[in-house]
Amino acid sequence: MPGSADLSVLERPVLEAAPLLLGAVLRHDGVAVRITEVEAYAGEADPASHAGRGMTPRSAVMFGPAGHLYVYLAYGANFCANVVTGPEGEASAVLLRAGEVIEGLELAQARRGTSVKRELARGPGRLCSALGIRLRDNRTDLRVGPVTLELGVPVDPALVSTGPRVGVSKAADVPWRFWLTGDPTVSAYRSGAKG
């Protein structure tokens, strides 16, 4: 396991922190994924955020400190992983929407039941499945593990696209989704849920 990583750069507003996660490497249980798509959630100021109505037992991790993992079960079917950002006490997190498996390919393929490399971590549920991330990993300090994050060199902004968030019904039109332009692992866009 890598040593303690410096994630202090994530202690900034979520819209500044989110693009910094593009190209970062998330590691867990024999698999590493290079992040290619993320989505920002701005806590109490964001009606689509799990912290939009304030702190609850579920959303408490979003209030900090930055550099921790927020894992939840979406629609009773798929786990989703978020990186907590911002100053402690102000809820925000970045959903890890998609990535490319760069280590542990055979293990990721076995977990996902497919050999199509671009599909292994294309979407937040698939990303967690490929990495073996579950609810037990919620609140993990990404500096020390068992899930770890390595930020690396920031991606050139000219290589980053932005657009509306995927699959939310509130504040769906804000351009808070960031992805590596043209990357085949980026998830397909779907507009918000009805109603």
N, C-alpha and C. Protein backbone atom coordinates (compact mmCIF):
# COMPACT_ATOMS: atom_id res chain seq x y z
N MET A 1 0.85 -1.19 0.00
CA MET A 1 0.00 0.00 0.00
C MET A 1 0.89 1.23 0.00
N PRO A 2 0.52 2.25 -0.84
CA PRO A 2 1.30 3.47 -0.85
C PRO A 2 1.28 4.17 0.50
N GLY A 3 2.25 5.02 0.74
CA GLY A 3 2.30 5.76 1.99
C GLY A 3 1.26 6.86 2.03
N SER A 4 1.28 7.62 3.08
CA SER A 4 0.33 8.70 3.27
C SER A 4 0.47 9.74 2.15
N ALA A 5 -0.66 10.07 1.52
CA ALA A 5 -0.66 11.04 0.43
C ALA A 5 -1.08 12.41 0.96
N ASP A 6 -0.58 13.48 0.35
CA ASP A 6 -0.98 14.83 0.72
C ASP A 6 -2.21 15.21 -0.10
N LEU A 7 -3.36 15.26 0.55
CA LEU A 7 -4.60 15.61 -0.13
C LEU A 7 -5.11 16.98 0.33
N SER A 8 -4.25 17.78 0.92
CA SER A 8 -4.67 19.08 1.44
C SER A 8 -5.19 20.00 0.33
N VAL A 9 -4.81 19.76 -0.92
CA VAL A 9 -5.29 20.56 -2.03
C VAL A 9 -6.81 20.44 -2.20
N LEU A 10 -7.39 19.40 -1.61
CA LEU A 10 -8.84 19.20 -1.70
C LEU A 10 -9.61 20.05 -0.70
N GLU A 11 -8.91 20.78 0.17
CA GLU A 11 -9.55 21.63 1.17
C GLU A 11 -9.92 22.97 0.56
N ARG A 12 -10.64 22.93 -0.53
CA ARG A 12 -11.06 24.13 -1.26
C ARG A 12 -12.49 23.92 -1.74
N PRO A 13 -13.14 24.95 -2.26
CA PRO A 13 -14.51 24.80 -2.75
C PRO A 13 -14.63 23.64 -3.76
N VAL A 14 -15.75 22.96 -3.71
CA VAL A 14 -15.93 21.72 -4.49
C VAL A 14 -15.74 21.92 -5.99
N LEU A 15 -16.14 23.08 -6.53
CA LEU A 15 -15.98 23.29 -7.97
C LEU A 15 -14.53 23.51 -8.37
N GLU A 16 -13.69 23.88 -7.42
CA GLU A 16 -12.25 23.95 -7.68
C GLU A 16 -11.59 22.60 -7.47
N ALA A 17 -12.08 21.84 -6.50
CA ALA A 17 -11.48 20.55 -6.18
C ALA A 17 -11.83 19.47 -7.19
N ALA A 18 -13.06 19.49 -7.71
CA ALA A 18 -13.53 18.42 -8.59
C ALA A 18 -12.61 18.16 -9.78
N PRO A 19 -12.22 19.18 -10.57
CA PRO A 19 -11.35 18.90 -11.71
C PRO A 19 -9.98 18.35 -11.32
N LEU A 20 -9.54 18.63 -10.09
CA LEU A 20 -8.24 18.12 -9.63
C LEU A 20 -8.25 16.61 -9.47
N LEU A 21 -9.45 16.01 -9.40
CA LEU A 21 -9.54 14.55 -9.26
C LEU A 21 -9.43 13.82 -10.59
N LEU A 22 -9.57 14.55 -11.70
CA LEU A 22 -9.40 13.92 -13.02
C LEU A 22 -7.94 13.51 -13.19
N GLY A 23 -7.73 12.27 -13.58
CA GLY A 23 -6.38 11.73 -13.72
C GLY A 23 -5.82 11.15 -12.46
N ALA A 24 -6.48 11.38 -11.32
CA ALA A 24 -6.04 10.80 -10.06
C ALA A 24 -6.23 9.28 -10.10
N VAL A 25 -5.51 8.58 -9.24
CA VAL A 25 -5.60 7.12 -9.20
C VAL A 25 -6.18 6.69 -7.86
N LEU A 26 -7.26 5.93 -7.93
CA LEU A 26 -7.91 5.36 -6.75
C LEU A 26 -7.55 3.89 -6.70
N ARG A 27 -7.08 3.42 -5.53
CA ARG A 27 -6.64 2.03 -5.36
C ARG A 27 -7.40 1.35 -4.24
N HIS A 28 -7.74 0.08 -4.48
CA HIS A 28 -8.36 -0.72 -3.42
C HIS A 28 -8.30 -2.19 -3.81
N ASP A 29 -7.87 -2.99 -2.88
CA ASP A 29 -8.00 -4.45 -2.97
C ASP A 29 -7.53 -5.03 -4.31
N GLY A 30 -6.32 -4.61 -4.74
CA GLY A 30 -5.71 -5.21 -5.92
C GLY A 30 -6.04 -4.56 -7.25
N VAL A 31 -6.84 -3.48 -7.24
CA VAL A 31 -7.22 -2.81 -8.48
C VAL A 31 -6.93 -1.31 -8.34
N ALA A 32 -6.47 -0.70 -9.43
CA ALA A 32 -6.27 0.75 -9.49
C ALA A 32 -7.03 1.30 -10.68
N VAL A 33 -7.71 2.44 -10.47
CA VAL A 33 -8.50 3.08 -11.51
C VAL A 33 -8.05 4.53 -11.63
N ARG A 34 -7.78 4.95 -12.88
CA ARG A 34 -7.49 6.36 -13.18
C ARG A 34 -8.82 7.05 -13.43
N ILE A 35 -9.12 8.09 -12.66
CA ILE A 35 -10.42 8.76 -12.72
C ILE A 35 -10.53 9.61 -13.98
N THR A 36 -11.63 9.42 -14.73
CA THR A 36 -11.85 10.14 -15.98
C THR A 36 -13.09 11.03 -15.97
N GLU A 37 -13.95 10.87 -14.95
CA GLU A 37 -15.18 11.67 -14.89
C GLU A 37 -15.61 11.83 -13.44
N VAL A 38 -16.00 13.04 -13.07
CA VAL A 38 -16.45 13.34 -11.71
C VAL A 38 -17.64 14.28 -11.76
N GLU A 39 -18.31 14.43 -10.60
CA GLU A 39 -19.48 15.29 -10.50
C GLU A 39 -19.48 15.94 -9.12
N ALA A 40 -19.63 17.25 -9.07
CA ALA A 40 -19.53 18.00 -7.82
C ALA A 40 -20.90 18.16 -7.15
N TYR A 41 -20.88 18.08 -5.80
CA TYR A 41 -22.07 18.30 -4.98
C TYR A 41 -21.70 19.25 -3.84
N ALA A 42 -22.42 20.38 -3.76
CA ALA A 42 -22.02 21.47 -2.88
C ALA A 42 -22.80 21.53 -1.56
N GLY A 43 -23.10 20.40 -0.99
CA GLY A 43 -23.66 20.35 0.35
C GLY A 43 -24.96 21.11 0.53
N GLU A 44 -25.02 21.91 1.59
CA GLU A 44 -26.26 22.59 1.96
C GLU A 44 -26.71 23.63 0.93
N ALA A 45 -25.83 24.09 0.08
CA ALA A 45 -26.18 25.05 -0.96
C ALA A 45 -26.68 24.37 -2.23
N ASP A 46 -26.79 23.05 -2.22
CA ASP A 46 -27.08 22.26 -3.42
C ASP A 46 -28.25 21.32 -3.16
N PRO A 47 -29.42 21.56 -3.76
CA PRO A 47 -30.58 20.72 -3.50
C PRO A 47 -30.43 19.27 -3.97
N ALA A 48 -29.46 18.99 -4.83
CA ALA A 48 -29.23 17.61 -5.28
C ALA A 48 -28.26 16.85 -4.37
N SER A 49 -27.66 17.55 -3.43
CA SER A 49 -26.68 16.93 -2.53
C SER A 49 -27.35 16.18 -1.40
N HIS A 50 -26.73 15.10 -0.94
CA HIS A 50 -27.22 14.38 0.22
C HIS A 50 -27.18 15.24 1.48
N ALA A 51 -26.40 16.31 1.46
CA ALA A 51 -26.33 17.24 2.60
C ALA A 51 -27.16 18.49 2.35
N GLY A 52 -28.01 18.46 1.33
CA GLY A 52 -28.82 19.62 0.97
C GLY A 52 -29.76 20.08 2.06
N ARG A 53 -30.13 19.18 2.95
CA ARG A 53 -31.02 19.53 4.07
C ARG A 53 -30.29 19.55 5.39
N GLY A 54 -28.97 19.65 5.33
CA GLY A 54 -28.18 19.69 6.54
C GLY A 54 -27.58 18.34 6.88
N MET A 55 -26.97 18.28 8.05
CA MET A 55 -26.27 17.07 8.47
C MET A 55 -27.25 16.00 8.95
N THR A 56 -27.06 14.80 8.42
CA THR A 56 -27.80 13.61 8.85
C THR A 56 -26.75 12.54 9.13
N PRO A 57 -27.14 11.42 9.75
CA PRO A 57 -26.14 10.35 9.93
C PRO A 57 -25.50 9.92 8.61
N ARG A 58 -26.29 9.91 7.52
CA ARG A 58 -25.76 9.51 6.22
C ARG A 58 -24.77 10.53 5.67
N SER A 59 -25.12 11.81 5.78
CA SER A 59 -24.31 12.85 5.14
C SER A 59 -23.21 13.42 6.02
N ALA A 60 -23.11 13.01 7.27
CA ALA A 60 -22.15 13.61 8.21
C ALA A 60 -20.72 13.60 7.68
N VAL A 61 -20.33 12.55 6.98
CA VAL A 61 -18.97 12.45 6.45
C VAL A 61 -18.67 13.59 5.47
N MET A 62 -19.70 14.10 4.78
CA MET A 62 -19.51 15.17 3.81
C MET A 62 -19.07 16.48 4.45
N PHE A 63 -19.24 16.61 5.74
CA PHE A 63 -18.86 17.83 6.45
C PHE A 63 -17.38 17.85 6.83
N GLY A 64 -16.63 16.85 6.40
CA GLY A 64 -15.19 16.87 6.56
C GLY A 64 -14.67 15.92 7.59
N PRO A 65 -13.37 15.79 7.59
CA PRO A 65 -12.38 16.54 6.83
C PRO A 65 -12.27 16.09 5.37
N ALA A 66 -11.67 16.95 4.55
CA ALA A 66 -11.43 16.62 3.14
C ALA A 66 -10.50 15.42 3.04
N GLY A 67 -10.61 14.71 1.92
CA GLY A 67 -9.73 13.57 1.69
C GLY A 67 -10.25 12.26 2.28
N HIS A 68 -11.52 12.23 2.65
CA HIS A 68 -12.14 11.00 3.12
C HIS A 68 -13.13 10.51 2.07
N LEU A 69 -13.47 9.24 2.15
CA LEU A 69 -14.37 8.61 1.19
C LEU A 69 -15.79 8.58 1.75
N TYR A 70 -16.74 8.98 0.93
CA TYR A 70 -18.16 8.88 1.26
C TYR A 70 -18.76 7.85 0.32
N VAL A 71 -19.21 6.73 0.88
CA VAL A 71 -19.80 5.65 0.09
C VAL A 71 -21.26 5.50 0.48
N TYR A 72 -22.12 5.35 -0.51
CA TYR A 72 -23.54 5.11 -0.25
C TYR A 72 -24.08 4.11 -1.27
N LEU A 73 -25.23 3.54 -0.93
CA LEU A 73 -25.91 2.59 -1.81
C LEU A 73 -26.99 3.36 -2.56
N ALA A 74 -26.92 3.36 -3.89
CA ALA A 74 -27.88 4.09 -4.72
C ALA A 74 -28.99 3.16 -5.18
N TYR A 75 -30.21 3.55 -4.88
CA TYR A 75 -31.39 2.80 -5.32
C TYR A 75 -31.36 1.33 -4.90
N GLY A 76 -30.67 1.04 -3.81
CA GLY A 76 -30.61 -0.33 -3.29
C GLY A 76 -29.85 -1.29 -4.17
N ALA A 77 -29.11 -0.77 -5.14
CA ALA A 77 -28.47 -1.67 -6.10
C ALA A 77 -26.96 -1.48 -6.27
N ASN A 78 -26.50 -0.24 -6.32
CA ASN A 78 -25.10 0.03 -6.64
C ASN A 78 -24.46 0.94 -5.60
N PHE A 79 -23.20 0.65 -5.27
CA PHE A 79 -22.44 1.52 -4.39
C PHE A 79 -21.86 2.66 -5.21
N CYS A 80 -21.80 3.84 -4.62
CA CYS A 80 -21.20 5.01 -5.25
C CYS A 80 -20.16 5.58 -4.30
N ALA A 81 -19.03 6.03 -4.84
CA ALA A 81 -17.93 6.57 -4.04
C ALA A 81 -17.74 8.04 -4.35
N ASN A 82 -17.55 8.82 -3.29
CA ASN A 82 -17.33 10.25 -3.38
C ASN A 82 -16.08 10.61 -2.58
N VAL A 83 -15.40 11.65 -3.01
CA VAL A 83 -14.27 12.19 -2.25
C VAL A 83 -14.75 13.47 -1.58
N VAL A 84 -14.61 13.54 -0.26
CA VAL A 84 -15.00 14.73 0.50
C VAL A 84 -13.99 15.84 0.23
N THR A 85 -14.52 17.05 0.00
CA THR A 85 -13.67 18.21 -0.30
C THR A 85 -14.07 19.37 0.61
N GLY A 86 -13.38 20.48 0.44
CA GLY A 86 -13.74 21.71 1.12
C GLY A 86 -13.22 21.79 2.54
N PRO A 87 -13.42 22.96 3.15
CA PRO A 87 -13.00 23.14 4.54
C PRO A 87 -13.89 22.33 5.47
N GLU A 88 -13.31 21.85 6.54
CA GLU A 88 -14.06 21.06 7.50
C GLU A 88 -15.22 21.89 8.05
N GLY A 89 -16.39 21.24 8.16
CA GLY A 89 -17.59 21.90 8.64
C GLY A 89 -18.51 22.38 7.53
N GLU A 90 -18.00 22.44 6.29
CA GLU A 90 -18.81 22.82 5.13
C GLU A 90 -18.93 21.61 4.22
N ALA A 91 -20.14 21.07 4.13
CA ALA A 91 -20.35 19.82 3.39
C ALA A 91 -20.13 19.98 1.89
N SER A 92 -19.33 19.08 1.32
CA SER A 92 -19.20 18.97 -0.12
C SER A 92 -18.48 17.67 -0.44
N ALA A 93 -18.78 17.15 -1.62
CA ALA A 93 -18.15 15.91 -2.05
C ALA A 93 -18.19 15.82 -3.57
N VAL A 94 -17.30 15.02 -4.11
CA VAL A 94 -17.20 14.82 -5.55
C VAL A 94 -17.46 13.35 -5.84
N LEU A 95 -18.53 13.10 -6.59
CA LEU A 95 -18.86 11.74 -7.01
C LEU A 95 -17.86 11.28 -8.08
N LEU A 96 -17.29 10.10 -7.89
CA LEU A 96 -16.38 9.51 -8.88
C LEU A 96 -17.25 8.75 -9.87
N ARG A 97 -17.45 9.33 -11.05
CA ARG A 97 -18.41 8.78 -12.02
C ARG A 97 -17.82 7.69 -12.92
N ALA A 98 -16.55 7.80 -13.27
CA ALA A 98 -16.00 6.83 -14.21
C ALA A 98 -14.48 6.85 -14.17
N GLY A 99 -13.89 5.76 -14.69
CA GLY A 99 -12.44 5.67 -14.74
C GLY A 99 -11.97 4.53 -15.61
N GLU A 100 -10.66 4.46 -15.74
CA GLU A 100 -10.00 3.40 -16.53
C GLU A 100 -9.19 2.52 -15.58
N VAL A 101 -9.43 1.21 -15.66
CA VAL A 101 -8.65 0.28 -14.84
C VAL A 101 -7.23 0.25 -15.39
N ILE A 102 -6.26 0.58 -14.53
CA ILE A 102 -4.86 0.61 -14.97
C ILE A 102 -4.01 -0.45 -14.28
N GLU A 103 -4.53 -1.06 -13.23
CA GLU A 103 -3.86 -2.18 -12.55
C GLU A 103 -4.93 -3.14 -12.05
N GLY A 104 -4.59 -4.44 -12.06
CA GLY A 104 -5.55 -5.43 -11.56
C GLY A 104 -6.65 -5.73 -12.56
N LEU A 105 -6.32 -5.69 -13.85
CA LEU A 105 -7.32 -5.86 -14.90
C LEU A 105 -8.11 -7.16 -14.76
N GLU A 106 -7.43 -8.28 -14.57
CA GLU A 106 -8.13 -9.56 -14.49
C GLU A 106 -9.07 -9.62 -13.29
N LEU A 107 -8.64 -9.05 -12.16
CA LEU A 107 -9.49 -9.02 -10.97
C LEU A 107 -10.72 -8.14 -11.21
N ALA A 108 -10.52 -6.99 -11.82
CA ALA A 108 -11.65 -6.11 -12.14
C ALA A 108 -12.61 -6.79 -13.11
N GLN A 109 -12.08 -7.49 -14.10
CA GLN A 109 -12.94 -8.21 -15.05
C GLN A 109 -13.75 -9.29 -14.35
N ALA A 110 -13.15 -10.00 -13.42
CA ALA A 110 -13.86 -11.04 -12.67
C ALA A 110 -14.97 -10.43 -11.81
N ARG A 111 -14.67 -9.30 -11.16
CA ARG A 111 -15.68 -8.64 -10.32
C ARG A 111 -16.84 -8.13 -11.15
N ARG A 112 -16.55 -7.63 -12.33
CA ARG A 112 -17.58 -7.02 -13.17
C ARG A 112 -18.25 -8.02 -14.11
N GLY A 113 -17.63 -9.17 -14.35
CA GLY A 113 -18.22 -10.15 -15.24
C GLY A 113 -18.17 -9.75 -16.70
N THR A 114 -17.18 -8.97 -17.07
CA THR A 114 -17.00 -8.57 -18.46
C THR A 114 -15.51 -8.41 -18.75
N SER A 115 -15.13 -8.61 -20.00
CA SER A 115 -13.74 -8.42 -20.39
C SER A 115 -13.55 -7.12 -21.18
N VAL A 116 -14.63 -6.36 -21.40
CA VAL A 116 -14.55 -5.12 -22.15
C VAL A 116 -13.95 -4.04 -21.26
N LYS A 117 -12.70 -3.70 -21.52
CA LYS A 117 -11.94 -2.83 -20.62
C LYS A 117 -12.60 -1.48 -20.40
N ARG A 118 -13.13 -0.85 -21.44
CA ARG A 118 -13.71 0.49 -21.28
C ARG A 118 -14.98 0.48 -20.43
N GLU A 119 -15.63 -0.68 -20.28
CA GLU A 119 -16.87 -0.78 -19.51
C GLU A 119 -16.64 -1.12 -18.04
N LEU A 120 -15.43 -1.45 -17.64
CA LEU A 120 -15.17 -1.95 -16.29
C LEU A 120 -15.51 -0.94 -15.20
N ALA A 121 -15.20 0.33 -15.42
CA ALA A 121 -15.45 1.35 -14.40
C ALA A 121 -16.17 2.54 -15.01
N ARG A 122 -17.00 2.28 -16.00
CA ARG A 122 -17.73 3.33 -16.72
C ARG A 122 -19.09 3.54 -16.07
N GLY A 123 -19.13 4.44 -15.12
CA GLY A 123 -20.32 4.68 -14.31
C GLY A 123 -19.97 4.45 -12.85
N PRO A 124 -20.61 5.18 -11.92
CA PRO A 124 -20.22 5.12 -10.52
C PRO A 124 -20.39 3.75 -9.87
N GLY A 125 -21.45 3.03 -10.21
CA GLY A 125 -21.64 1.69 -9.66
C GLY A 125 -20.62 0.70 -10.18
N ARG A 126 -20.30 0.78 -11.44
CA ARG A 126 -19.31 -0.10 -12.04
C ARG A 126 -17.92 0.18 -11.48
N LEU A 127 -17.62 1.47 -11.27
CA LEU A 127 -16.32 1.84 -10.70
C LEU A 127 -16.15 1.19 -9.32
N CYS A 128 -17.17 1.30 -8.49
CA CYS A 128 -17.08 0.69 -7.15
C CYS A 128 -17.00 -0.83 -7.23
N SER A 129 -17.74 -1.42 -8.15
CA SER A 129 -17.70 -2.87 -8.31
C SER A 129 -16.31 -3.34 -8.73
N ALA A 130 -15.72 -2.65 -9.70
CA ALA A 130 -14.37 -3.03 -10.18
C ALA A 130 -13.34 -2.95 -9.06
N LEU A 131 -13.49 -1.94 -8.20
CA LEU A 131 -12.54 -1.74 -7.10
C LEU A 131 -12.89 -2.54 -5.85
N GLY A 132 -14.07 -3.13 -5.81
CA GLY A 132 -14.49 -3.86 -4.62
C GLY A 132 -14.84 -2.95 -3.46
N ILE A 133 -15.30 -1.73 -3.74
CA ILE A 133 -15.68 -0.77 -2.70
C ILE A 133 -17.10 -1.05 -2.25
N ARG A 134 -17.29 -1.08 -0.92
CA ARG A 134 -18.60 -1.35 -0.31
C ARG A 134 -18.85 -0.34 0.81
N LEU A 135 -19.99 -0.46 1.47
CA LEU A 135 -20.33 0.45 2.57
C LEU A 135 -19.29 0.42 3.69
N ARG A 136 -18.64 -0.70 3.88
CA ARG A 136 -17.62 -0.79 4.93
C ARG A 136 -16.47 0.19 4.70
N ASP A 137 -16.32 0.67 3.47
CA ASP A 137 -15.25 1.60 3.13
C ASP A 137 -15.64 3.06 3.36
N ASN A 138 -16.90 3.31 3.73
CA ASN A 138 -17.34 4.67 4.03
C ASN A 138 -16.46 5.28 5.12
N ARG A 139 -16.14 6.54 4.98
CA ARG A 139 -15.33 7.32 5.93
C ARG A 139 -13.84 6.97 5.91
N THR A 140 -13.40 6.15 4.97
CA THR A 140 -11.98 5.83 4.87
C THR A 140 -11.16 7.10 4.64
N ASP A 141 -10.06 7.22 5.35
CA ASP A 141 -9.11 8.30 5.11
C ASP A 141 -8.29 7.89 3.89
N LEU A 142 -8.47 8.59 2.78
CA LEU A 142 -7.83 8.22 1.51
C LEU A 142 -6.33 8.41 1.50
N ARG A 143 -5.78 8.99 2.57
CA ARG A 143 -4.33 9.13 2.69
C ARG A 143 -3.68 7.81 3.10
N VAL A 144 -4.41 7.02 3.89
CA VAL A 144 -3.80 5.82 4.49
C VAL A 144 -4.52 4.52 4.19
N GLY A 145 -5.74 4.57 3.68
CA GLY A 145 -6.40 3.35 3.24
C GLY A 145 -7.41 2.77 4.20
N PRO A 146 -8.00 1.63 3.80
CA PRO A 146 -7.59 0.71 2.75
C PRO A 146 -7.82 1.19 1.32
N VAL A 147 -8.72 2.16 1.10
CA VAL A 147 -8.85 2.78 -0.22
C VAL A 147 -7.93 4.00 -0.20
N THR A 148 -7.09 4.14 -1.24
CA THR A 148 -6.17 5.29 -1.29
C THR A 148 -6.35 6.07 -2.58
N LEU A 149 -5.97 7.35 -2.51
CA LEU A 149 -6.07 8.25 -3.65
C LEU A 149 -4.73 8.93 -3.87
N GLU A 150 -4.27 8.93 -5.12
CA GLU A 150 -3.03 9.61 -5.52
C GLU A 150 -3.42 10.65 -6.57
N LEU A 151 -3.20 11.93 -6.26
CA LEU A 151 -3.66 12.99 -7.15
C LEU A 151 -2.82 13.16 -8.40
N GLY A 152 -1.51 13.17 -8.30
CA GLY A 152 -0.68 13.35 -9.48
C GLY A 152 -0.72 14.78 -10.00
N VAL A 153 -0.34 14.97 -11.25
CA VAL A 153 -0.25 16.29 -11.89
C VAL A 153 -1.64 16.70 -12.38
N PRO A 154 -2.08 17.93 -12.08
CA PRO A 154 -3.39 18.37 -12.57
C PRO A 154 -3.48 18.28 -14.09
N VAL A 155 -4.66 17.92 -14.59
CA VAL A 155 -4.90 17.82 -16.02
C VAL A 155 -5.04 19.22 -16.61
N ASP A 156 -4.50 19.42 -17.79
CA ASP A 156 -4.62 20.69 -18.51
C ASP A 156 -6.11 21.00 -18.69
N PRO A 157 -6.58 22.18 -18.24
CA PRO A 157 -8.00 22.52 -18.38
C PRO A 157 -8.51 22.44 -19.81
N ALA A 158 -7.64 22.59 -20.80
CA ALA A 158 -8.06 22.49 -22.20
C ALA A 158 -8.50 21.08 -22.56
N LEU A 159 -8.13 20.09 -21.74
CA LEU A 159 -8.50 18.69 -22.00
C LEU A 159 -9.71 18.25 -21.19
N VAL A 160 -10.35 19.19 -20.49
CA VAL A 160 -11.48 18.89 -19.62
C VAL A 160 -12.76 19.49 -20.18
N SER A 161 -13.82 18.68 -20.23
CA SER A 161 -15.14 19.16 -20.62
C SER A 161 -16.01 19.28 -19.39
N THR A 162 -17.02 20.13 -19.46
CA THR A 162 -17.97 20.28 -18.37
C THR A 162 -19.38 20.21 -18.94
N GLY A 163 -20.31 19.80 -18.08
CA GLY A 163 -21.70 19.72 -18.52
C GLY A 163 -22.61 19.44 -17.35
N PRO A 164 -23.90 19.26 -17.63
CA PRO A 164 -24.86 19.01 -16.57
C PRO A 164 -24.62 17.67 -15.88
N ARG A 165 -25.08 17.60 -14.64
CA ARG A 165 -24.95 16.36 -13.88
C ARG A 165 -25.89 15.29 -14.44
N VAL A 166 -25.59 14.06 -14.11
CA VAL A 166 -26.31 12.91 -14.67
C VAL A 166 -27.30 12.35 -13.65
N GLY A 167 -28.53 12.11 -14.10
CA GLY A 167 -29.48 11.35 -13.31
C GLY A 167 -30.02 12.00 -12.06
N VAL A 168 -29.92 13.33 -11.94
CA VAL A 168 -30.50 14.03 -10.78
C VAL A 168 -31.68 14.86 -11.27
N SER A 169 -32.68 15.06 -10.42
CA SER A 169 -33.85 15.84 -10.81
C SER A 169 -33.77 17.28 -10.32
N LYS A 170 -32.99 17.55 -9.27
CA LYS A 170 -32.84 18.90 -8.74
C LYS A 170 -31.48 19.45 -9.15
N ALA A 171 -31.46 20.72 -9.56
CA ALA A 171 -30.22 21.39 -9.98
C ALA A 171 -29.47 20.55 -11.01
N ALA A 172 -30.23 19.95 -11.92
CA ALA A 172 -29.63 19.07 -12.93
C ALA A 172 -28.91 19.83 -14.03
N ASP A 173 -29.26 21.10 -14.22
CA ASP A 173 -28.71 21.86 -15.33
C ASP A 173 -27.39 22.55 -15.03
N VAL A 174 -26.94 22.51 -13.77
CA VAL A 174 -25.66 23.16 -13.46
C VAL A 174 -24.51 22.36 -14.07
N PRO A 175 -23.51 23.02 -14.63
CA PRO A 175 -22.42 22.32 -15.31
C PRO A 175 -21.36 21.84 -14.32
N TRP A 176 -21.75 20.97 -13.42
CA TRP A 176 -20.86 20.52 -12.34
C TRP A 176 -20.33 19.12 -12.57
N ARG A 177 -20.44 18.63 -13.80
CA ARG A 177 -19.82 17.36 -14.17
C ARG A 177 -18.59 17.70 -15.00
N PHE A 178 -17.48 17.04 -14.68
CA PHE A 178 -16.21 17.29 -15.35
C PHE A 178 -15.69 15.96 -15.89
N TRP A 179 -15.17 15.95 -17.12
CA TRP A 179 -14.63 14.72 -17.66
C TRP A 179 -13.49 14.99 -18.63
N LEU A 180 -12.67 13.97 -18.85
CA LEU A 180 -11.57 14.06 -19.80
C LEU A 180 -12.16 13.95 -21.20
N THR A 181 -12.06 15.02 -21.96
CA THR A 181 -12.66 15.09 -23.28
C THR A 181 -12.23 13.92 -24.16
N GLY A 182 -13.22 13.23 -24.72
CA GLY A 182 -12.94 12.15 -25.65
C GLY A 182 -12.53 10.82 -25.04
N ASP A 183 -12.45 10.74 -23.72
CA ASP A 183 -12.03 9.48 -23.09
C ASP A 183 -13.15 8.45 -23.23
N PRO A 184 -12.84 7.24 -23.72
CA PRO A 184 -13.89 6.24 -23.95
C PRO A 184 -14.52 5.66 -22.68
N THR A 185 -13.91 5.90 -21.53
CA THR A 185 -14.47 5.34 -20.29
C THR A 185 -15.49 6.25 -19.64
N VAL A 186 -15.66 7.48 -20.15
CA VAL A 186 -16.63 8.41 -19.58
C VAL A 186 -18.03 7.85 -19.77
N SER A 187 -18.86 7.98 -18.75
CA SER A 187 -20.21 7.39 -18.80
C SER A 187 -21.11 8.15 -19.77
N ALA A 188 -22.14 7.46 -20.25
CA ALA A 188 -23.09 8.07 -21.17
C ALA A 188 -23.97 9.06 -20.42
N TYR A 189 -24.26 10.20 -21.04
CA TYR A 189 -25.10 11.21 -20.39
C TYR A 189 -26.55 10.77 -20.40
N ARG A 190 -27.20 10.89 -19.24
CA ARG A 190 -28.65 10.69 -19.10
C ARG A 190 -29.19 11.85 -18.31
N SER A 191 -30.29 12.44 -18.80
CA SER A 191 -30.87 13.56 -18.07
C SER A 191 -31.48 13.10 -16.75
N GLY A 192 -31.90 14.06 -15.93
CA GLY A 192 -32.41 13.77 -14.59
C GLY A 192 -33.64 12.90 -14.57
N ALA A 193 -33.91 12.36 -13.38
CA ALA A 193 -35.07 11.52 -13.16
C ALA A 193 -36.34 12.34 -13.30
N LYS A 194 -37.42 11.70 -13.69
CA LYS A 194 -38.71 12.38 -13.85
C LYS A 194 -39.31 12.70 -12.51
N GLY A 195 -40.08 13.80 -12.51
CA GLY A 195 -40.91 14.11 -11.36
C GLY A 195 -40.27 14.83 -10.28
